[in-house]
Protein backbone atom coordinates (compact mmCIF):
# COMPACT_ATOMS: atom_id res chain seq x y z
CA MET A 1 12.95 82.80 -139.75
CA ALA A 2 10.33 80.32 -141.06
CA SER A 3 10.64 79.13 -144.65
CA LYS A 4 8.24 80.59 -147.20
CA TYR A 5 6.60 78.22 -149.68
CA THR A 6 4.98 78.98 -153.01
CA GLU A 7 1.67 77.44 -154.07
CA GLU A 8 3.46 75.25 -156.56
CA GLN A 9 5.85 73.93 -153.89
CA LEU A 10 2.99 73.13 -151.51
CA ASN A 11 1.14 71.21 -154.22
CA SER A 12 4.22 69.07 -154.77
CA LEU A 13 4.50 68.00 -151.09
CA ASP A 14 3.10 64.70 -149.86
CA ARG A 15 0.44 64.49 -147.14
CA GLU A 16 2.86 63.53 -144.32
CA THR A 17 5.11 66.49 -145.05
CA LEU A 18 2.13 68.86 -145.18
CA THR A 19 0.94 67.56 -141.81
CA ARG A 20 4.32 68.16 -140.16
CA LEU A 21 4.51 71.60 -141.75
CA PHE A 22 1.02 72.50 -140.51
CA LEU A 23 1.75 71.35 -136.95
CA SER A 24 5.01 73.33 -136.94
CA GLN A 25 3.20 76.47 -138.12
CA GLN A 26 0.48 75.89 -135.54
CA GLU A 27 3.07 75.72 -132.72
CA GLN A 28 4.72 78.92 -133.92
CA LEU A 29 1.37 80.72 -133.96
CA GLU A 30 0.63 79.55 -130.42
CA ASN A 31 3.99 80.90 -129.22
CA ILE A 32 3.37 84.23 -130.96
CA ASP A 33 -0.12 84.45 -129.49
CA HIS A 34 1.19 83.72 -125.98
CA THR A 35 3.95 86.30 -126.36
CA LEU A 36 1.40 88.92 -127.40
CA GLN A 37 -0.67 88.08 -124.32
CA LEU A 38 2.37 88.88 -122.16
CA VAL A 39 2.83 92.34 -123.67
CA PRO A 40 -0.03 94.07 -121.75
CA GLU A 41 1.25 92.68 -118.44
CA GLN A 42 4.81 93.72 -119.19
CA MET A 43 3.70 97.18 -120.30
CA ALA A 44 1.62 97.59 -117.13
CA ASP A 45 4.62 96.57 -115.02
CA LEU A 46 6.92 99.02 -116.82
CA LYS A 47 4.41 101.88 -116.50
CA ARG A 48 3.96 101.19 -112.81
CA HIS A 49 7.73 101.31 -112.22
CA ARG A 50 8.05 104.56 -114.13
CA PHE A 51 4.89 106.47 -113.29
CA GLY A 52 3.11 104.58 -110.50
CA ARG A 53 3.30 104.92 -106.76
CA SER A 54 6.08 103.14 -104.92
CA SER A 55 3.71 102.05 -102.15
CA GLU A 56 3.26 98.32 -101.64
CA LYS A 57 0.16 98.61 -99.49
CA HIS A 58 -2.06 95.55 -99.66
CA GLU A 59 -5.76 95.97 -99.03
CA THR A 60 -8.15 93.14 -98.23
CA GLU A 61 -11.86 93.17 -97.56
CA GLY A 62 -11.35 91.61 -94.14
CA GLN A 63 -8.60 90.35 -91.90
CA VAL A 64 -7.09 86.99 -92.68
CA SER A 65 -6.45 84.79 -89.69
CA PHE A 66 -5.01 81.46 -88.71
CA MET A 67 -6.77 79.45 -86.06
CA GLU A 68 -7.94 75.95 -85.18
CA VAL A 69 -11.65 75.03 -85.14
CA ASP A 70 -12.67 71.53 -84.06
CA GLY A 71 -9.17 70.23 -84.67
CA LYS A 72 -8.99 71.65 -88.21
CA ILE A 73 -6.73 74.42 -89.41
CA VAL A 74 -8.70 77.37 -90.77
CA PHE A 75 -6.67 79.84 -92.81
CA PHE A 76 -9.28 82.18 -94.20
CA ASN A 77 -12.50 83.91 -93.21
CA GLU A 78 -12.14 83.47 -89.49
CA PRO A 79 -15.43 85.27 -88.73
CA GLU A 80 -17.38 82.88 -90.97
CA ALA A 81 -15.53 79.84 -89.63
CA VAL A 82 -16.56 80.41 -86.04
CA ALA A 83 -19.87 82.13 -86.66
CA ALA A 84 -21.84 78.99 -85.84
CA GLU A 85 -20.20 78.75 -82.42
CA GLU A 86 -20.96 82.34 -81.50
CA SER A 87 -24.21 84.10 -80.77
CA THR A 88 -26.47 84.55 -83.78
CA GLU A 89 -27.63 87.94 -82.55
CA GLU A 90 -26.87 90.74 -84.95
CA PRO A 91 -24.60 93.42 -83.58
CA GLU A 92 -26.22 96.68 -82.74
CA ASN A 93 -25.43 99.68 -84.86
CA VAL A 94 -22.76 101.68 -83.10
CA SER A 95 -22.71 105.37 -83.88
CA ARG A 96 -19.30 106.86 -84.39
CA THR A 97 -18.38 109.80 -82.25
CA ARG A 98 -15.47 112.14 -82.54
CA PRO A 99 -12.72 111.09 -80.12
CA LYS A 100 -12.35 113.39 -77.17
CA LYS A 101 -9.23 115.46 -76.92
CA LYS A 102 -6.74 113.98 -74.52
CA GLN A 103 -6.80 115.80 -71.21
CA GLY A 104 -3.51 117.24 -70.04
CA LYS A 105 -1.87 117.09 -73.46
CA ARG A 106 -0.60 120.67 -73.23
CA GLU A 107 0.83 120.09 -69.75
CA GLU A 108 2.54 116.97 -71.05
CA ASP A 109 4.07 118.91 -73.97
CA LEU A 110 5.38 121.64 -71.67
CA ASP A 111 6.75 119.29 -69.03
CA GLY A 112 10.49 119.64 -68.54
CA ILE A 113 10.83 122.94 -70.43
CA PRO A 114 12.28 125.84 -68.36
CA VAL A 115 9.69 128.45 -67.48
CA VAL A 116 10.45 132.17 -67.46
CA VAL A 117 7.80 134.09 -65.53
CA VAL A 118 6.87 137.46 -67.04
CA GLU A 119 4.69 139.55 -64.72
CA HIS A 120 2.28 142.23 -65.90
CA SER A 121 0.91 144.55 -63.22
CA MET A 122 -0.56 148.02 -62.67
CA THR A 123 0.79 150.69 -60.35
CA ASP A 124 -1.07 151.77 -57.24
CA GLY A 125 -1.72 155.13 -58.85
CA GLU A 126 -3.39 153.53 -61.86
CA LEU A 127 -5.58 151.41 -59.61
CA GLU A 128 -6.60 154.40 -57.41
CA ASP A 129 -7.58 156.36 -60.48
CA LYS A 130 -9.81 153.48 -61.51
CA PHE A 131 -11.30 152.32 -58.18
CA GLY A 132 -10.46 155.09 -55.70
CA LYS A 133 -8.22 154.86 -52.64
CA ASP A 134 -8.34 151.39 -51.06
CA GLY A 135 -11.19 150.51 -53.43
CA TRP A 136 -9.59 147.48 -55.03
CA LYS A 137 -8.33 144.03 -54.15
CA GLN A 138 -6.03 141.63 -56.01
CA LEU A 139 -7.47 138.41 -57.44
CA PRO A 140 -5.53 135.28 -58.60
CA ASP A 141 -3.41 135.96 -61.68
CA GLU A 142 -4.63 135.14 -65.14
CA VAL A 143 -1.96 132.83 -66.58
CA TYR A 144 -1.32 132.01 -70.23
CA ARG A 145 1.72 130.44 -71.84
CA ARG A 146 3.64 130.91 -75.06
CA TYR A 147 6.69 129.25 -76.55
CA ARG A 148 9.74 131.48 -76.72
CA PHE A 149 12.40 130.66 -79.30
CA THR A 150 15.91 132.06 -78.98
CA PRO A 151 17.94 131.87 -82.24
CA ALA A 152 21.46 130.52 -82.16
CA LYS A 153 23.95 132.86 -80.55
CA ILE A 154 27.51 133.12 -81.83
CA GLU A 155 30.31 134.04 -79.45
CA VAL A 156 34.08 133.96 -79.62
CA GLU A 157 35.81 132.15 -76.78
CA GLU A 158 39.13 133.82 -76.10
CA HIS A 159 41.16 131.57 -73.82
CA HIS A 160 43.87 133.29 -71.76
CA VAL A 161 46.17 130.60 -70.45
CA LYS A 162 48.40 131.85 -67.65
CA VAL A 163 52.07 131.06 -68.16
CA TYR A 164 54.50 130.83 -65.26
CA ALA A 165 58.27 130.52 -65.03
CA GLY A 166 60.59 129.91 -62.13
CA LYS A 167 62.78 132.83 -61.06
CA GLU A 168 65.77 130.66 -60.36
CA THR A 169 65.12 128.03 -63.06
CA GLU A 170 64.15 128.14 -66.70
CA GLU A 171 61.14 125.89 -66.15
CA VAL A 172 57.96 127.23 -67.77
CA ILE A 173 54.50 125.89 -66.97
CA LYS A 174 50.99 126.72 -68.14
CA ALA A 175 47.73 126.71 -66.25
CA PRO A 176 45.48 123.68 -66.90
CA HIS A 177 43.22 124.29 -69.90
CA PRO A 178 41.10 122.16 -72.28
CA GLN A 179 42.78 120.73 -75.34
CA THR A 180 41.79 122.16 -78.70
CA LEU A 181 39.64 120.02 -80.96
CA LEU A 182 41.88 120.70 -83.98
CA ARG A 183 45.13 122.50 -83.29
CA GLY A 184 45.33 125.93 -84.91
CA SER A 185 41.66 125.88 -85.93
CA LEU A 186 38.81 128.13 -84.81
CA VAL A 187 36.38 125.21 -84.56
CA SER A 188 35.06 124.29 -81.10
CA PRO A 189 33.30 121.09 -79.98
CA SER A 190 29.96 122.90 -79.84
CA LEU A 191 30.35 124.33 -83.36
CA GLU A 192 31.41 121.02 -84.92
CA ALA A 193 28.57 119.24 -83.12
CA ALA A 194 26.14 121.74 -84.64
CA VAL A 195 27.57 121.20 -88.13
CA ILE A 196 27.38 117.40 -87.84
CA ASN A 197 23.85 117.52 -86.43
CA ALA A 198 22.64 119.82 -89.21
CA LYS A 199 24.32 117.77 -91.94
CA TYR A 200 23.64 114.19 -90.86
CA VAL A 201 20.53 114.49 -88.68
CA ASN A 202 18.62 117.35 -90.29
CA ALA A 203 19.99 116.78 -93.83
CA VAL A 204 21.10 120.39 -94.28
CA PRO A 205 23.85 120.60 -96.94
CA LEU A 206 27.05 122.41 -96.07
CA TYR A 207 26.36 125.20 -98.56
CA ARG A 208 23.07 126.01 -96.82
CA GLN A 209 24.81 125.98 -93.45
CA GLU A 210 27.33 128.40 -94.93
CA GLN A 211 24.46 130.70 -95.92
CA GLU A 212 22.90 130.43 -92.47
CA PHE A 213 26.18 131.39 -90.79
CA GLU A 214 26.44 134.34 -93.17
CA ARG A 215 23.08 135.60 -91.88
CA TYR A 216 24.54 135.53 -88.38
CA GLY A 217 27.52 137.53 -89.58
CA LEU A 218 29.88 134.56 -89.34
CA HIS A 219 32.07 133.74 -92.33
CA ILE A 220 32.63 129.97 -92.36
CA SER A 221 33.12 128.34 -95.76
CA ARG A 222 31.78 124.90 -96.63
CA GLN A 223 35.38 123.83 -97.32
CA ASN A 224 36.29 124.57 -93.70
CA MET A 225 33.26 122.69 -92.42
CA ALA A 226 34.09 119.71 -94.64
CA ASN A 227 37.71 119.61 -93.45
CA TRP A 228 36.65 119.90 -89.80
CA THR A 229 34.18 117.05 -90.15
CA ILE A 230 36.63 114.76 -91.95
CA GLN A 231 39.44 115.36 -89.47
CA CYS A 232 37.19 114.97 -86.41
CA ALA A 233 35.76 111.76 -87.85
CA ASP A 234 39.27 110.36 -88.37
CA ARG A 235 40.59 111.45 -84.96
CA TYR A 236 37.63 110.89 -82.66
CA LEU A 237 34.67 109.11 -84.27
CA ALA A 238 36.80 106.36 -85.84
CA VAL A 239 37.70 105.16 -82.34
CA LEU A 240 34.01 104.98 -81.40
CA TYR A 241 33.19 103.27 -84.72
CA ASP A 242 35.77 100.53 -84.12
CA TYR A 243 34.50 100.06 -80.58
CA LEU A 244 30.90 99.65 -81.77
CA HIS A 245 32.07 97.32 -84.53
CA GLU A 246 33.56 95.02 -81.90
CA LYS A 247 30.40 95.29 -79.81
CA LEU A 248 28.33 94.30 -82.83
CA TYR A 249 29.87 90.84 -82.76
CA GLY A 250 28.30 90.21 -79.36
CA TYR A 251 24.74 90.23 -80.74
CA HIS A 252 22.95 87.16 -82.02
CA VAL A 253 20.83 88.83 -84.75
CA LEU A 254 21.99 91.54 -87.15
CA GLN A 255 20.49 93.17 -90.22
CA ALA A 256 22.46 94.13 -93.31
CA ASP A 257 21.71 95.98 -96.53
CA GLU A 258 23.40 98.07 -99.18
CA THR A 259 22.23 100.94 -101.35
CA PRO A 260 23.85 102.72 -104.33
CA VAL A 261 25.18 106.25 -103.95
CA LEU A 262 26.72 108.59 -106.52
CA VAL A 263 30.12 110.03 -105.62
CA ASN A 264 31.72 112.79 -107.66
CA LYS A 265 35.28 112.69 -106.34
CA ASP A 266 36.84 109.36 -105.42
CA GLY A 267 39.38 108.85 -108.18
CA ARG A 268 36.81 107.69 -110.72
CA PRO A 269 34.70 109.53 -113.32
CA ALA A 270 32.03 111.79 -111.81
CA GLY A 271 28.75 110.03 -111.16
CA SER A 272 30.29 106.58 -110.71
CA LYS A 273 28.12 104.27 -108.66
CA SER A 274 29.34 103.39 -105.19
CA TYR A 275 27.60 101.64 -102.31
CA MET A 276 26.77 102.44 -98.72
CA TRP A 277 26.56 99.28 -96.64
CA VAL A 278 24.67 99.36 -93.36
CA TYR A 279 24.81 96.88 -90.49
CA ARG A 280 22.60 97.18 -87.45
CA THR A 281 21.26 95.29 -84.48
CA GLY A 282 17.76 93.85 -84.46
CA ARG A 283 14.70 95.60 -83.09
CA MET A 284 14.63 93.38 -80.02
CA TYR A 285 17.72 95.08 -78.59
CA THR A 286 15.86 98.24 -77.64
CA GLU A 287 18.35 99.52 -75.05
CA ARG A 288 21.54 98.91 -77.04
CA GLN A 289 20.89 99.76 -80.68
CA VAL A 290 23.96 99.91 -82.90
CA VAL A 291 23.85 101.16 -86.52
CA LEU A 292 27.07 101.30 -88.55
CA TYR A 293 27.56 102.51 -92.13
CA GLU A 294 30.45 101.52 -94.38
CA TYR A 295 31.22 103.22 -97.69
CA GLN A 296 32.63 101.05 -100.45
CA LYS A 297 33.20 101.59 -104.16
CA THR A 298 31.73 98.23 -105.18
CA ARG A 299 29.05 95.69 -104.24
CA ASN A 300 31.60 92.92 -104.00
CA ALA A 301 31.23 90.03 -101.55
CA SER A 302 34.59 90.90 -99.99
CA HIS A 303 33.06 93.85 -98.11
CA PRO A 304 30.46 92.01 -96.00
CA ARG A 305 32.88 89.07 -95.72
CA GLU A 306 35.44 91.32 -94.02
CA PHE A 307 32.93 93.26 -91.93
CA LEU A 308 31.22 90.14 -90.57
CA LYS A 309 34.33 87.98 -90.27
CA ASP A 310 34.07 87.64 -86.46
CA PHE A 311 30.28 87.58 -86.23
CA ASN A 312 28.53 84.36 -85.21
CA GLY A 313 24.75 84.30 -85.50
CA VAL A 314 21.89 85.23 -87.81
CA CYS A 315 22.06 88.07 -90.34
CA VAL A 316 18.79 89.25 -91.91
CA THR A 317 19.23 90.47 -95.50
CA ASP A 318 17.41 90.85 -98.80
CA GLY A 319 17.80 88.37 -101.65
CA TYR A 320 21.25 89.54 -102.78
CA GLN A 321 23.27 86.41 -103.58
CA VAL A 322 26.48 87.76 -102.04
CA TYR A 323 25.19 87.13 -98.51
CA HIS A 324 24.31 83.53 -99.33
CA THR A 325 27.74 83.05 -100.87
CA ILE A 326 29.35 84.07 -97.56
CA GLU A 327 26.94 81.80 -95.68
CA GLY A 328 28.11 78.86 -97.78
CA GLU A 329 31.70 79.57 -96.80
CA ARG A 330 31.04 79.46 -93.05
CA GLU A 331 29.28 77.19 -90.59
CA ASP A 332 28.72 79.81 -87.86
CA LEU A 333 26.80 82.32 -90.02
CA ARG A 334 23.17 81.94 -91.02
CA ILE A 335 21.44 84.24 -93.52
CA ALA A 336 17.73 84.88 -92.93
CA GLY A 337 15.38 86.37 -95.52
CA CYS A 338 13.41 89.60 -95.27
CA TRP A 339 9.63 89.46 -95.69
CA SER A 340 9.50 92.96 -97.17
CA HIS A 341 11.72 91.87 -100.05
CA ALA A 342 10.00 88.50 -100.42
CA ARG A 343 6.53 90.03 -100.79
CA ARG A 344 7.75 92.61 -103.31
CA ARG A 345 7.78 90.10 -106.18
CA PHE A 346 4.23 89.04 -105.44
CA ASP A 347 3.22 92.70 -105.29
CA GLU A 348 4.79 93.34 -108.70
CA ALA A 349 2.95 90.35 -110.15
CA VAL A 350 -0.41 91.53 -108.81
CA LYS A 351 0.02 95.08 -110.10
CA ALA A 352 0.89 93.82 -113.58
CA LEU A 353 -2.62 92.32 -113.87
CA PRO A 354 -5.80 94.19 -114.77
CA LYS A 355 -7.65 95.22 -111.62
CA ALA A 356 -10.54 92.88 -112.40
CA LYS A 357 -8.20 89.86 -112.25
CA GLN A 358 -5.94 90.85 -109.37
CA LYS A 359 -7.91 89.34 -106.49
CA ASP A 360 -8.26 86.00 -108.30
CA SER A 361 -4.50 85.53 -108.76
CA ARG A 362 -2.27 83.29 -106.69
CA ALA A 363 0.11 86.19 -106.08
CA TYR A 364 -2.72 88.15 -104.42
CA LEU A 365 -3.43 85.15 -102.21
CA ALA A 366 0.26 85.02 -101.22
CA LEU A 367 0.20 88.73 -100.33
CA THR A 368 -2.84 88.14 -98.16
CA MET A 369 -1.05 85.37 -96.29
CA ILE A 370 2.05 87.51 -95.77
CA GLN A 371 -0.20 90.27 -94.45
CA ALA A 372 -1.55 87.77 -91.91
CA ILE A 373 2.02 87.05 -90.80
CA TYR A 374 2.60 90.80 -90.37
CA ARG A 375 -0.49 91.04 -88.22
CA GLU A 376 0.54 88.12 -86.03
CA GLU A 377 4.05 89.56 -85.65
CA LYS A 378 2.62 92.91 -84.60
CA GLN A 379 0.76 91.23 -81.77
CA LEU A 380 3.90 89.40 -80.61
CA LYS A 381 6.48 92.18 -80.93
CA ASP A 382 6.38 93.28 -77.27
CA LEU A 383 6.61 89.79 -75.77
CA PRO A 384 9.82 88.39 -74.23
CA ALA A 385 12.05 86.57 -76.71
CA GLU A 386 11.32 83.02 -75.50
CA GLU A 387 7.57 83.56 -75.33
CA ARG A 388 7.56 85.22 -78.74
CA LYS A 389 9.42 82.23 -80.18
CA ASN A 390 6.88 79.77 -78.74
CA ARG A 391 3.92 81.80 -79.95
CA ARG A 392 5.42 82.03 -83.43
CA GLN A 393 5.47 78.26 -83.68
CA LEU A 394 1.71 78.29 -83.18
CA SER A 395 0.53 81.33 -85.11
CA VAL A 396 3.23 82.16 -87.69
CA LYS A 397 4.86 78.90 -88.67
CA PRO A 398 1.69 77.41 -90.28
CA TRP A 399 1.46 80.48 -92.51
CA TRP A 400 5.08 80.10 -93.52
CA ARG A 401 4.60 76.42 -94.39
CA LEU A 402 1.59 77.19 -96.52
CA ILE A 403 3.38 79.98 -98.40
CA SER A 404 6.59 78.00 -98.81
CA HIS A 405 4.97 74.81 -100.07
CA GLY A 406 2.16 76.31 -102.11
CA PHE A 407 3.51 79.49 -103.62
CA VAL A 408 7.25 80.16 -103.48
CA LYS A 409 8.33 77.28 -105.73
CA THR A 410 5.56 77.97 -108.24
CA PHE A 411 6.31 81.67 -108.26
CA ARG A 412 10.05 81.20 -108.78
CA LYS A 413 9.35 78.84 -111.66
CA CYS A 414 7.00 81.32 -113.30
CA ARG A 415 9.41 84.22 -112.84
CA LYS A 416 12.22 82.20 -114.40
CA LYS A 417 10.12 81.28 -117.42
CA ALA A 418 8.78 84.83 -117.70
CA ARG A 419 12.28 86.15 -118.25
CA ARG A 420 12.56 83.77 -121.20
CA GLY A 421 9.18 84.92 -122.52
CA LYS A 422 7.55 81.52 -122.12
CA VAL A 423 4.97 82.21 -119.45
CA SER A 424 3.06 85.02 -117.82
CA ILE A 425 4.71 86.52 -114.75
CA ILE A 426 1.55 85.86 -112.80
CA PRO A 427 1.64 82.50 -110.97
């Protein structure tokens, strides 16, 4: 806390001491003033996190492009940059019309669905009463279609396995029959498949499945469904999981992420935070997608280190330091950043500013450049890998260089100082 002087003490100080004291007070006032200027931005950022939308949509007045004009790199306002080379004629006003409905859409929707023909006819007597004897002829049928939905049907399979024994020997044999999914249990493969699909595909909790079965007159408790699922996962799905884990090592590019989950019963107090780690193949492997989840109690580096121990290639992740720690331990693993996470900090910086100042900020300019990269990537996504790589060198790499050299270092510096309260979070 600054010292407090009385009028008598100030009068007794020499001029040099008064000058130093004044400069010190002036510096303190500047720091206080700057801190107060940060408060509105910090409050806006806190309000946005608590009450605002989670969308990170970035809107610009026009597309931002990268191209070369007369040997010069043009990063912004492509239409204006090449306007002189194009025709000066003004475009004609084009009236907007409602798009026509796609022909054959209904036939396309119904294709492959079994058709049950239901005929509606009149008896000969009814027709004679209306038209007289032989006074009518049959025209082509009027045909209309409706979806028919058949609710789930519950049946009990009662397997009778024939047992045979030799008359002269004590040998006993049984007729061939399918093995039970879980010995001594009423669960069948079709029933367990329905439970897993409802739970993990349609996100229907077990207690709601229990209520649905009750409406069908079937008494299956959620405890039974939970036990069936756990045992089947251990006996059958674990083998498939390990097989896919081995297959995962054969890919060159993987993606990894982790997200917190709350678990009530795992030996710790209820509500303790655990983590679900996910590893998956890249989008380019369209015919052989592999997605594997791994539950862990912590976010420790030992989990991805063990999971990726035999993987050689590139792993795309967010900015979590654990992945970079593992990369530093190995020479055959490379960690690549994620643009969605990289742009998030710029988006937070823009939204902390008043709307009138947003478009003039450097963070907004960085978002616009990243949006241009997204647009270029969208145009290249369906190309073969080698061609996509070559095109990226021409259309994406210049954007990356501009962002990396002009914005990332400045932004990191500002964010670091902002946490110490020395500078605005807006670069």
